[in-house]
Amino acid sequence: MVILFITPRSMAIAAINKLLPSGYTYSSLASSYKGPEFTLSGAFMVIPFFALYVYPWLMAGPAIASEIRGGRGGAIKYNVPAAALITMVMATIASKPFTARWVLTS
């Protein structure tokens, strides 16, 4: 990830141009790109997959609560809010897949 930010833009574009078939350049492709198309049905289709991967993180604390009882009970008291916060951060970070495109177009 660090390489994306420290590589000069001209070097990145030159490397991309080497990978493209003859007749194509990064500039021509970037200028003809119209952006992603958002559809509500596509957004709804992703929700089950999102829930499939997020749900276990939210339920991990309550699932093992009987095993971590004891002491002051801080683990039981804070496990659900901590799991929700960690899951929110991880899901937010995972929803940023276009970092490379942002670096190349800025």
PDB file of N, CA and C in Angstrom:
ATOM      1  N   MET A   1       0.818  -1.176   0.000  1.00  0.00           N
ATOM      2  CA  MET A   1       0.000   0.000   0.000  1.00  0.00           C
ATOM      3  C   MET A   1       0.874   1.256   0.000  1.00  0.00           C
ATOM      4  N   VAL A   2       1.974   1.199   0.699  1.00  0.00           N
ATOM      5  CA  VAL A   2       2.869   2.348   0.767  1.00  0.00           C
ATOM      6  C   VAL A   2       3.428   2.663  -0.618  1.00  0.00           C
ATOM      7  N   ILE A   3       3.668   1.635  -1.400  1.00  0.00           N
ATOM      8  CA  ILE A   3       4.224   1.828  -2.738  1.00  0.00           C
ATOM      9  C   ILE A   3       3.296   2.684  -3.597  1.00  0.00           C
ATOM     10  N   LEU A   4       1.979   2.536  -3.412  1.00  0.00           N
ATOM     11  CA  LEU A   4       1.034   3.352  -4.179  1.00  0.00           C
ATOM     12  C   LEU A   4       1.228   4.836  -3.915  1.00  0.00           C
ATOM     13  N   PHE A   5       1.582   5.178  -2.687  1.00  0.00           N
ATOM     14  CA  PHE A   5       1.683   6.582  -2.320  1.00  0.00           C
ATOM     15  C   PHE A   5       3.067   7.175  -2.583  1.00  0.00           C
ATOM     16  N   ILE A   6       4.107   6.343  -2.619  1.00  0.00           N
ATOM     17  CA  ILE A   6       5.448   6.894  -2.814  1.00  0.00           C
ATOM     18  C   ILE A   6       5.909   6.840  -4.271  1.00  0.00           C
ATOM     19  N   THR A   7       5.226   6.072  -5.102  1.00  0.00           N
ATOM     20  CA  THR A   7       5.592   5.984  -6.519  1.00  0.00           C
ATOM     21  C   THR A   7       5.107   7.236  -7.248  1.00  0.00           C
ATOM     22  N   PRO A   8       5.993   7.910  -7.968  1.00  0.00           N
ATOM     23  CA  PRO A   8       5.543   9.082  -8.738  1.00  0.00           C
ATOM     24  C   PRO A   8       4.505   8.685  -9.784  1.00  0.00           C
ATOM     25  N   ARG A   9       3.594   9.598 -10.047  1.00  0.00           N
ATOM     26  CA  ARG A   9       2.493   9.312 -10.970  1.00  0.00           C
ATOM     27  C   ARG A   9       2.997   8.935 -12.360  1.00  0.00           C
ATOM     28  N   SER A  10       4.017   9.621 -12.836  1.00  0.00           N
ATOM     29  CA  SER A  10       4.530   9.338 -14.183  1.00  0.00           C
ATOM     30  C   SER A  10       5.099   7.925 -14.282  1.00  0.00           C
ATOM     31  N   MET A  11       5.753   7.462 -13.226  1.00  0.00           N
ATOM     32  CA  MET A  11       6.290   6.090 -13.230  1.00  0.00           C
ATOM     33  C   MET A  11       5.166   5.067 -13.222  1.00  0.00           C
ATOM     34  N   ALA A  12       4.114   5.339 -12.441  1.00  0.00           N
ATOM     35  CA  ALA A  12       2.983   4.413 -12.379  1.00  0.00           C
ATOM     36  C   ALA A  12       2.291   4.323 -13.737  1.00  0.00           C
ATOM     37  N   ILE A  13       2.108   5.465 -14.379  1.00  0.00           N
ATOM     38  CA  ILE A  13       1.457   5.478 -15.700  1.00  0.00           C
ATOM     39  C   ILE A  13       2.319   4.760 -16.733  1.00  0.00           C
ATOM     40  N   ALA A  14       3.636   4.953 -16.670  1.00  0.00           N
ATOM     41  CA  ALA A  14       4.532   4.261 -17.607  1.00  0.00           C
ATOM     42  C   ALA A  14       4.459   2.750 -17.403  1.00  0.00           C
ATOM     43  N   ALA A  15       4.393   2.306 -16.150  1.00  0.00           N
ATOM     44  CA  ALA A  15       4.294   0.872 -15.866  1.00  0.00           C
ATOM     45  C   ALA A  15       2.971   0.306 -16.377  1.00  0.00           C
ATOM     46  N   ILE A  16       1.894   1.052 -16.209  1.00  0.00           N
ATOM     47  CA  ILE A  16       0.588   0.606 -16.696  1.00  0.00           C
ATOM     48  C   ILE A  16       0.584   0.538 -18.223  1.00  0.00           C
ATOM     49  N   ASN A  17       1.182   1.533 -18.868  1.00  0.00           N
ATOM     50  CA  ASN A  17       1.232   1.540 -20.336  1.00  0.00           C
ATOM     51  C   ASN A  17       1.978   0.329 -20.885  1.00  0.00           C
ATOM     52  N   LYS A  18       2.990  -0.149 -20.157  1.00  0.00           N
ATOM     53  CA  LYS A  18       3.726  -1.343 -20.600  1.00  0.00           C
ATOM     54  C   LYS A  18       2.859  -2.599 -20.538  1.00  0.00           C
ATOM     55  N   LEU A  19       1.916  -2.623 -19.611  1.00  0.00           N
ATOM     56  CA  LEU A  19       1.062  -3.800 -19.438  1.00  0.00           C
ATOM     57  C   LEU A  19      -0.107  -3.833 -20.421  1.00  0.00           C
ATOM     58  N   LEU A  20      -0.458  -2.689 -20.972  1.00  0.00           N
ATOM     59  CA  LEU A  20      -1.612  -2.618 -21.868  1.00  0.00           C
ATOM     60  C   LEU A  20      -1.264  -3.137 -23.267  1.00  0.00           C
ATOM     61  N   PRO A  21      -2.252  -3.674 -23.983  1.00  0.00           N
ATOM     62  CA  PRO A  21      -2.014  -4.109 -25.364  1.00  0.00           C
ATOM     63  C   PRO A  21      -1.681  -2.910 -26.249  1.00  0.00           C
ATOM     64  N   SER A  22      -1.058  -3.179 -27.389  1.00  0.00           N
ATOM     65  CA  SER A  22      -0.690  -2.083 -28.297  1.00  0.00           C
ATOM     66  C   SER A  22      -1.949  -1.360 -28.773  1.00  0.00           C
ATOM     67  N   GLY A  23      -1.828  -0.053 -28.907  1.00  0.00           N
ATOM     68  CA  GLY A  23      -2.972   0.748 -29.316  1.00  0.00           C
ATOM     69  C   GLY A  23      -3.725   1.363 -28.154  1.00  0.00           C
ATOM     70  N   TYR A  24      -3.431   0.950 -26.934  1.00  0.00           N
ATOM     71  CA  TYR A  24      -4.092   1.485 -25.751  1.00  0.00           C
ATOM     72  C   TYR A  24      -3.071   2.197 -24.883  1.00  0.00           C
ATOM     73  N   THR A  25      -3.487   3.282 -24.276  1.00  0.00           N
ATOM     74  CA  THR A  25      -2.647   3.979 -23.311  1.00  0.00           C
ATOM     75  C   THR A  25      -3.484   4.261 -22.075  1.00  0.00           C
ATOM     76  N   TYR A  26      -2.799   4.513 -20.987  1.00  0.00           N
ATOM     77  CA  TYR A  26      -3.501   4.834 -19.748  1.00  0.00           C
ATOM     78  C   TYR A  26      -4.355   6.089 -19.930  1.00  0.00           C
ATOM     79  N   SER A  27      -3.796   7.091 -20.611  1.00  0.00           N
ATOM     80  CA  SER A  27      -4.520   8.358 -20.799  1.00  0.00           C
ATOM     81  C   SER A  27      -5.805   8.160 -21.591  1.00  0.00           C
ATOM     82  N   SER A  28      -5.745   7.349 -22.654  1.00  0.00           N
ATOM     83  CA  SER A  28      -6.952   7.135 -23.460  1.00  0.00           C
ATOM     84  C   SER A  28      -8.009   6.360 -22.676  1.00  0.00           C
ATOM     85  N   LEU A  29      -7.577   5.386 -21.903  1.00  0.00           N
ATOM     86  CA  LEU A  29      -8.533   4.621 -21.100  1.00  0.00           C
ATOM     87  C   LEU A  29      -9.114   5.469 -19.974  1.00  0.00           C
ATOM     88  N   ALA A  30      -8.260   6.250 -19.311  1.00  0.00           N
ATOM     89  CA  ALA A  30      -8.736   7.076 -18.201  1.00  0.00           C
ATOM     90  C   ALA A  30      -9.705   8.152 -18.679  1.00  0.00           C
ATOM     91  N   SER A  31      -9.467   8.719 -19.860  1.00  0.00           N
ATOM     92  CA  SER A  31     -10.358   9.770 -20.345  1.00  0.00           C
ATOM     93  C   SER A  31     -11.687   9.217 -20.833  1.00  0.00           C
ATOM     94  N   SER A  32     -11.716   7.963 -21.272  1.00  0.00           N
ATOM     95  CA  SER A  32     -12.969   7.386 -21.758  1.00  0.00           C
ATOM     96  C   SER A  32     -13.774   6.717 -20.642  1.00  0.00           C
ATOM     97  N   TYR A  33     -13.207   6.603 -19.452  1.00  0.00           N
ATOM     98  CA  TYR A  33     -13.899   5.956 -18.333  1.00  0.00           C
ATOM     99  C   TYR A  33     -14.996   6.871 -17.809  1.00  0.00           C
ATOM    100  N   LYS A  34     -16.208   6.376 -17.743  1.00  0.00           N
ATOM    101  CA  LYS A  34     -17.356   7.172 -17.314  1.00  0.00           C
ATOM    102  C   LYS A  34     -17.671   7.006 -15.828  1.00  0.00           C
ATOM    103  N   GLY A  35     -17.048   6.075 -15.168  1.00  0.00           N
ATOM    104  CA  GLY A  35     -17.319   5.843 -13.752  1.00  0.00           C
ATOM    105  C   GLY A  35     -18.235   4.656 -13.555  1.00  0.00           C
ATOM    106  N   PRO A  36     -18.348   4.218 -12.315  1.00  0.00           N
ATOM    107  CA  PRO A  36     -19.200   3.063 -12.044  1.00  0.00           C
ATOM    108  C   PRO A  36     -20.674   3.430 -12.176  1.00  0.00           C
ATOM    109  N   GLU A  37     -21.455   2.441 -12.493  1.00  0.00           N
ATOM    110  CA  GLU A  37     -22.882   2.638 -12.612  1.00  0.00           C
ATOM    111  C   GLU A  37     -23.536   2.072 -11.359  1.00  0.00           C
ATOM    112  N   PHE A  38     -24.270   2.890 -10.645  1.00  0.00           N
ATOM    113  CA  PHE A  38     -24.927   2.437  -9.422  1.00  0.00           C
ATOM    114  C   PHE A  38     -26.332   1.973  -9.741  1.00  0.00           C
ATOM    115  N   THR A  39     -26.657   0.794  -9.257  1.00  0.00           N
ATOM    116  CA  THR A  39     -28.028   0.311  -9.367  1.00  0.00           C
ATOM    117  C   THR A  39     -28.471  -0.145  -7.984  1.00  0.00           C
ATOM    118  N   LEU A  40     -29.696   0.126  -7.654  1.00  0.00           N
ATOM    119  CA  LEU A  40     -30.218  -0.253  -6.350  1.00  0.00           C
ATOM    120  C   LEU A  40     -30.264  -1.771  -6.202  1.00  0.00           C
ATOM    121  N   SER A  41     -30.572  -2.467  -7.277  1.00  0.00           N
ATOM    122  CA  SER A  41     -30.625  -3.924  -7.197  1.00  0.00           C
ATOM    123  C   SER A  41     -29.225  -4.496  -6.930  1.00  0.00           C
ATOM    124  N   GLY A  42     -28.199  -3.888  -7.517  1.00  0.00           N
ATOM    125  CA  GLY A  42     -26.837  -4.335  -7.257  1.00  0.00           C
ATOM    126  C   GLY A  42     -26.434  -4.102  -5.814  1.00  0.00           C
ATOM    127  N   ALA A  43     -26.853  -2.976  -5.268  1.00  0.00           N
ATOM    128  CA  ALA A  43     -26.551  -2.682  -3.865  1.00  0.00           C
ATOM    129  C   ALA A  43     -27.240  -3.683  -2.944  1.00  0.00           C
ATOM    130  N   PHE A  44     -28.490  -4.011  -3.240  1.00  0.00           N
ATOM    131  CA  PHE A  44     -29.214  -4.976  -2.412  1.00  0.00           C
ATOM    132  C   PHE A  44     -28.622  -6.380  -2.518  1.00  0.00           C
ATOM    133  N   MET A  45     -28.064  -6.712  -3.660  1.00  0.00           N
ATOM    134  CA  MET A  45     -27.481  -8.040  -3.827  1.00  0.00           C
ATOM    135  C   MET A  45     -26.208  -8.225  -2.992  1.00  0.00           C
ATOM    136  N   VAL A  46     -25.542  -7.136  -2.630  1.00  0.00           N
ATOM    137  CA  VAL A  46     -24.302  -7.220  -1.853  1.00  0.00           C
ATOM    138  C   VAL A  46     -24.581  -7.377  -0.354  1.00  0.00           C
ATOM    139  N   ILE A  47     -25.738  -6.933   0.104  1.00  0.00           N
ATOM    140  CA  ILE A  47     -26.043  -6.940   1.538  1.00  0.00           C
ATOM    141  C   ILE A  47     -25.904  -8.325   2.173  1.00  0.00           C
ATOM    142  N   PRO A  48     -26.410  -9.408   1.566  1.00  0.00           N
ATOM    143  CA  PRO A  48     -26.238 -10.714   2.214  1.00  0.00           C
ATOM    144  C   PRO A  48     -24.767 -11.107   2.397  1.00  0.00           C
ATOM    145  N   PHE A  49     -23.920 -10.780   1.434  1.00  0.00           N
ATOM    146  CA  PHE A  49     -22.501 -11.110   1.572  1.00  0.00           C
ATOM    147  C   PHE A  49     -21.845 -10.279   2.662  1.00  0.00           C
ATOM    148  N   PHE A  50     -22.225  -9.024   2.741  1.00  0.00           N
ATOM    149  CA  PHE A  50     -21.709  -8.149   3.785  1.00  0.00           C
ATOM    150  C   PHE A  50     -22.099  -8.694   5.156  1.00  0.00           C
ATOM    151  N   ALA A  51     -23.368  -9.068   5.318  1.00  0.00           N
ATOM    152  CA  ALA A  51     -23.838  -9.606   6.586  1.00  0.00           C
ATOM    153  C   ALA A  51     -23.169 -10.949   6.905  1.00  0.00           C
ATOM    154  N   LEU A  52     -22.924 -11.746   5.888  1.00  0.00           N
ATOM    155  CA  LEU A  52     -22.299 -13.047   6.085  1.00  0.00           C
ATOM    156  C   LEU A  52     -20.922 -12.923   6.727  1.00  0.00           C
ATOM    157  N   TYR A  53     -20.162 -11.916   6.329  1.00  0.00           N
ATOM    158  CA  TYR A  53     -18.816 -11.753   6.860  1.00  0.00           C
ATOM    159  C   TYR A  53     -18.767 -10.901   8.127  1.00  0.00           C
ATOM    160  N   VAL A  54     -19.741 -10.032   8.336  1.00  0.00           N
ATOM    161  CA  VAL A  54     -19.731  -9.155   9.501  1.00  0.00           C
ATOM    162  C   VAL A  54     -20.366  -9.825  10.715  1.00  0.00           C
ATOM    163  N   TYR A  55     -21.394 -10.594  10.519  1.00  0.00           N
ATOM    164  CA  TYR A  55     -22.155 -11.179  11.629  1.00  0.00           C
ATOM    165  C   TYR A  55     -21.291 -11.970  12.618  1.00  0.00           C
ATOM    166  N   PRO A  56     -20.391 -12.829  12.176  1.00  0.00           N
ATOM    167  CA  PRO A  56     -19.581 -13.570  13.153  1.00  0.00           C
ATOM    168  C   PRO A  56     -18.746 -12.666  14.064  1.00  0.00           C
ATOM    169  N   TRP A  57     -18.278 -11.535  13.560  1.00  0.00           N
ATOM    170  CA  TRP A  57     -17.492 -10.628  14.407  1.00  0.00           C
ATOM    171  C   TRP A  57     -18.365 -10.012  15.485  1.00  0.00           C
ATOM    172  N   LEU A  58     -19.603  -9.708  15.165  1.00  0.00           N
ATOM    173  CA  LEU A  58     -20.494  -9.113  16.150  1.00  0.00           C
ATOM    174  C   LEU A  58     -20.926 -10.115  17.215  1.00  0.00           C
ATOM    175  N   MET A  59     -20.999 -11.382  16.841  1.00  0.00           N
ATOM    176  CA  MET A  59     -21.478 -12.401  17.772  1.00  0.00           C
ATOM    177  C   MET A  59     -20.358 -13.148  18.501  1.00  0.00           C
ATOM    178  N   ALA A  60     -19.119 -12.804  18.224  1.00  0.00           N
ATOM    179  CA  ALA A  60     -18.007 -13.528  18.852  1.00  0.00           C
ATOM    180  C   ALA A  60     -17.980 -13.322  20.358  1.00  0.00           C
ATOM    181  N   GLY A  61     -18.173 -12.104  20.818  1.00  0.00           N
ATOM    182  CA  GLY A  61     -18.142 -11.824  22.258  1.00  0.00           C
ATOM    183  C   GLY A  61     -19.237 -12.539  23.023  1.00  0.00           C
ATOM    184  N   PRO A  62     -20.512 -12.361  22.633  1.00  0.00           N
ATOM    185  CA  PRO A  62     -21.576 -13.064  23.355  1.00  0.00           C
ATOM    186  C   PRO A  62     -21.451 -14.588  23.272  1.00  0.00           C
ATOM    187  N   ALA A  63     -20.871 -15.093  22.212  1.00  0.00           N
ATOM    188  CA  ALA A  63     -20.750 -16.544  22.061  1.00  0.00           C
ATOM    189  C   ALA A  63     -19.812 -17.145  23.100  1.00  0.00           C
ATOM    190  N   ILE A  64     -18.797 -16.410  23.496  1.00  0.00           N
ATOM    191  CA  ILE A  64     -17.847 -16.955  24.463  1.00  0.00           C
ATOM    192  C   ILE A  64     -17.954 -16.269  25.824  1.00  0.00           C
ATOM    193  N   ALA A  65     -19.057 -15.543  26.051  1.00  0.00           N
ATOM    194  CA  ALA A  65     -19.219 -14.794  27.299  1.00  0.00           C
ATOM    195  C   ALA A  65     -19.147 -15.693  28.522  1.00  0.00           C
ATOM    196  N   SER A  66     -19.677 -16.893  28.443  1.00  0.00           N
ATOM    197  CA  SER A  66     -19.642 -17.778  29.616  1.00  0.00           C
ATOM    198  C   SER A  66     -18.218 -18.222  29.942  1.00  0.00           C
ATOM    199  N   GLU A  67     -17.357 -18.236  28.943  1.00  0.00           N
ATOM    200  CA  GLU A  67     -15.977 -18.655  29.187  1.00  0.00           C
ATOM    201  C   GLU A  67     -15.111 -17.522  29.732  1.00  0.00           C
ATOM    202  N   ILE A  68     -15.512 -16.277  29.506  1.00  0.00           N
ATOM    203  CA  ILE A  68     -14.672 -15.169  29.953  1.00  0.00           C
ATOM    204  C   ILE A  68     -15.219 -14.480  31.196  1.00  0.00           C
ATOM    205  N   ARG A  69     -16.231 -15.084  31.847  1.00  0.00           N
ATOM    206  CA  ARG A  69     -16.735 -14.532  33.106  1.00  0.00           C
ATOM    207  C   ARG A  69     -15.669 -14.667  34.172  1.00  0.00           C
ATOM    208  N   GLY A  70     -15.728 -13.752  35.065  1.00  0.00           N
ATOM    209  CA  GLY A  70     -14.754 -13.785  36.145  1.00  0.00           C
ATOM    210  C   GLY A  70     -14.051 -12.455  36.235  1.00  0.00           C
ATOM    211  N   GLY A  71     -13.302 -12.299  37.263  1.00  0.00           N
ATOM    212  CA  GLY A  71     -12.612 -11.024  37.438  1.00  0.00           C
ATOM    213  C   GLY A  71     -13.618  -9.916  37.675  1.00  0.00           C
ATOM    214  N   ARG A  72     -13.402  -8.805  37.065  1.00  0.00           N
ATOM    215  CA  ARG A  72     -14.290  -7.652  37.228  1.00  0.00           C
ATOM    216  C   ARG A  72     -15.472  -7.685  36.267  1.00  0.00           C
ATOM    217  N   GLY A  73     -15.417  -8.497  35.272  1.00  0.00           N
ATOM    218  CA  GLY A  73     -16.507  -8.563  34.301  1.00  0.00           C
ATOM    219  C   GLY A  73     -16.394  -7.528  33.203  1.00  0.00           C
ATOM    220  N   GLY A  74     -15.247  -6.879  33.076  1.00  0.00           N
ATOM    221  CA  GLY A  74     -15.050  -5.859  32.044  1.00  0.00           C
ATOM    222  C   GLY A  74     -15.127  -6.434  30.652  1.00  0.00           C
ATOM    223  N   ALA A  75     -14.655  -7.659  30.493  1.00  0.00           N
ATOM    224  CA  ALA A  75     -14.684  -8.288  29.170  1.00  0.00           C
ATOM    225  C   ALA A  75     -16.120  -8.508  28.717  1.00  0.00           C
ATOM    226  N   ILE A  76     -16.956  -8.946  29.623  1.00  0.00           N
ATOM    227  CA  ILE A  76     -18.357  -9.180  29.270  1.00  0.00           C
ATOM    228  C   ILE A  76     -19.080  -7.856  29.051  1.00  0.00           C
ATOM    229  N   LYS A  77     -18.731  -6.862  29.850  1.00  0.00           N
ATOM    230  CA  LYS A  77     -19.408  -5.569  29.768  1.00  0.00           C
ATOM    231  C   LYS A  77     -19.116  -4.850  28.443  1.00  0.00           C
ATOM    232  N   TYR A  78     -17.902  -4.972  27.947  1.00  0.00           N
ATOM    233  CA  TYR A  78     -17.499  -4.199  26.774  1.00  0.00           C
ATOM    234  C   TYR A  78     -17.345  -5.020  25.487  1.00  0.00           C
ATOM    235  N   ASN A  79     -17.626  -6.319  25.534  1.00  0.00           N
ATOM    236  CA  ASN A  79     -17.340  -7.119  24.338  1.00  0.00           C
ATOM    237  C   ASN A  79     -18.241  -6.780  23.159  1.00  0.00           C
ATOM    238  N   VAL A  80     -19.514  -6.523  23.364  1.00  0.00           N
ATOM    239  CA  VAL A  80     -20.405  -6.209  22.244  1.00  0.00           C
ATOM    240  C   VAL A  80     -20.098  -4.824  21.661  1.00  0.00           C
ATOM    241  N   PRO A  81     -19.967  -3.768  22.491  1.00  0.00           N
ATOM    242  CA  PRO A  81     -19.596  -2.468  21.887  1.00  0.00           C
ATOM    243  C   PRO A  81     -18.223  -2.514  21.205  1.00  0.00           C
ATOM    244  N   ALA A  82     -17.268  -3.225  21.797  1.00  0.00           N
ATOM    245  CA  ALA A  82     -15.936  -3.317  21.175  1.00  0.00           C
ATOM    246  C   ALA A  82     -16.020  -4.069  19.852  1.00  0.00           C
ATOM    247  N   ALA A  83     -16.778  -5.157  19.812  1.00  0.00           N
ATOM    248  CA  ALA A  83     -16.931  -5.921  18.560  1.00  0.00           C
ATOM    249  C   ALA A  83     -17.615  -5.064  17.494  1.00  0.00           C
ATOM    250  N   ALA A  84     -18.631  -4.297  17.899  1.00  0.00           N
ATOM    251  CA  ALA A  84     -19.325  -3.437  16.931  1.00  0.00           C
ATOM    252  C   ALA A  84     -18.390  -2.360  16.393  1.00  0.00           C
ATOM    253  N   LEU A  85     -17.589  -1.762  17.267  1.00  0.00           N
ATOM    254  CA  LEU A  85     -16.662  -0.715  16.843  1.00  0.00           C
ATOM    255  C   LEU A  85     -15.580  -1.275  15.916  1.00  0.00           C
ATOM    256  N   ILE A  86     -14.993  -2.407  16.276  1.00  0.00           N
ATOM    257  CA  ILE A  86     -13.959  -3.026  15.451  1.00  0.00           C
ATOM    258  C   ILE A  86     -14.529  -3.435  14.093  1.00  0.00           C
ATOM    259  N   THR A  87     -15.731  -3.997  14.098  1.00  0.00           N
ATOM    260  CA  THR A  87     -16.371  -4.409  12.852  1.00  0.00           C
ATOM    261  C   THR A  87     -16.661  -3.206  11.970  1.00  0.00           C
ATOM    262  N   MET A  88     -17.134  -2.114  12.576  1.00  0.00           N
ATOM    263  CA  MET A  88     -17.413  -0.914  11.798  1.00  0.00           C
ATOM    264  C   MET A  88     -16.140  -0.383  11.138  1.00  0.00           C
ATOM    265  N   VAL A  89     -15.043  -0.372  11.884  1.00  0.00           N
ATOM    266  CA  VAL A  89     -13.777   0.109  11.331  1.00  0.00           C
ATOM    267  C   VAL A  89     -13.300  -0.808  10.204  1.00  0.00           C
ATOM    268  N   MET A  90     -13.340  -2.117  10.429  1.00  0.00           N
ATOM    269  CA  MET A  90     -12.877  -3.068   9.410  1.00  0.00           C
ATOM    270  C   MET A  90     -13.747  -3.007   8.156  1.00  0.00           C
ATOM    271  N   ALA A  91     -15.052  -2.909   8.326  1.00  0.00           N
ATOM    272  CA  ALA A  91     -15.948  -2.855   7.171  1.00  0.00           C
ATOM    273  C   ALA A  91     -15.771  -1.547   6.409  1.00  0.00           C
ATOM    274  N   THR A  92     -15.496  -0.464   7.123  1.00  0.00           N
ATOM    275  CA  THR A  92     -15.273   0.824   6.459  1.00  0.00           C
ATOM    276  C   THR A  92     -13.978   0.799   5.667  1.00  0.00           C
ATOM    277  N   ILE A  93     -12.933   0.241   6.243  1.00  0.00           N
ATOM    278  CA  ILE A  93     -11.653   0.146   5.543  1.00  0.00           C
ATOM    279  C   ILE A  93     -11.791  -0.756   4.319  1.00  0.00           C
ATOM    280  N   ALA A  94     -12.528  -1.848   4.456  1.00  0.00           N
ATOM    281  CA  ALA A  94     -12.693  -2.790   3.351  1.00  0.00           C
ATOM    282  C   ALA A  94     -13.542  -2.216   2.230  1.00  0.00           C
ATOM    283  N   SER A  95     -14.314  -1.172   2.515  1.00  0.00           N
ATOM    284  CA  SER A  95     -15.172  -0.613   1.470  1.00  0.00           C
ATOM    285  C   SER A  95     -14.451   0.436   0.636  1.00  0.00           C
ATOM    286  N   LYS A  96     -13.139   0.559   0.771  1.00  0.00           N
ATOM    287  CA  LYS A  96     -12.364   1.551   0.016  1.00  0.00           C
ATOM    288  C   LYS A  96     -11.438   0.869  -0.991  1.00  0.00           C
ATOM    289  N   PRO A  97     -11.974   0.098  -1.953  1.00  0.00           N
ATOM    290  CA  PRO A  97     -11.100  -0.644  -2.864  1.00  0.00           C
ATOM    291  C   PRO A  97     -10.511   0.185  -3.994  1.00  0.00           C
ATOM    292  N   PHE A  98     -10.927   1.432  -4.140  1.00  0.00           N
ATOM    293  CA  PHE A  98     -10.479   2.213  -5.280  1.00  0.00           C
ATOM    294  C   PHE A  98      -9.375   3.182  -4.916  1.00  0.00           C
ATOM    295  N   THR A  99      -8.582   2.843  -3.902  1.00  0.00           N
ATOM    296  CA  THR A  99      -7.473   3.692  -3.490  1.00  0.00           C
ATOM    297  C   THR A  99      -6.467   3.843  -4.625  1.00  0.00           C
ATOM    298  N   ALA A 100      -6.168   2.772  -5.330  1.00  0.00           N
ATOM    299  CA  ALA A 100      -5.193   2.837  -6.420  1.00  0.00           C
ATOM    300  C   ALA A 100      -5.680   3.769  -7.523  1.00  0.00           C
ATOM    301  N   ARG A 101      -6.935   3.728  -7.862  1.00  0.00           N
ATOM    302  CA  ARG A 101      -7.482   4.613  -8.890  1.00  0.00           C
ATOM    303  C   ARG A 101      -7.388   6.059  -8.432  1.00  0.00           C
ATOM    304  N   TRP A 102      -7.641   6.310  -7.151  1.00  0.00           N
ATOM    305  CA  TRP A 102      -7.567   7.668  -6.628  1.00  0.00           C
ATOM    306  C   TRP A 102      -6.141   8.203  -6.713  1.00  0.00           C
ATOM    307  N   VAL A 103      -5.163   7.361  -6.407  1.00  0.00           N
ATOM    308  CA  VAL A 103      -3.766   7.787  -6.453  1.00  0.00           C
ATOM    309  C   VAL A 103      -3.367   8.124  -7.885  1.00  0.00           C
ATOM    310  N   LEU A 104      -3.807   7.328  -8.845  1.00  0.00           N
ATOM    311  CA  LEU A 104      -3.405   7.552 -10.236  1.00  0.00           C
ATOM    312  C   LEU A 104      -4.108   8.725 -10.885  1.00  0.00           C
ATOM    313  N   THR A 105      -5.298   9.073 -10.422  1.00  0.00           N
ATOM    314  CA  THR A 105      -6.031  10.164 -11.059  1.00  0.00           C
ATOM    315  C   THR A 105      -5.862  11.493 -10.357  1.00  0.00           C
ATOM    316  N   SER A 106      -5.231  11.525  -9.172  1.00  0.00           N
ATOM    317  CA  SER A 106      -5.071  12.816  -8.484  1.00  0.00           C
ATOM    318  C   SER A 106      -3.844  13.531  -8.969  1.00  0.00           C
TER     319      SER A 106
END
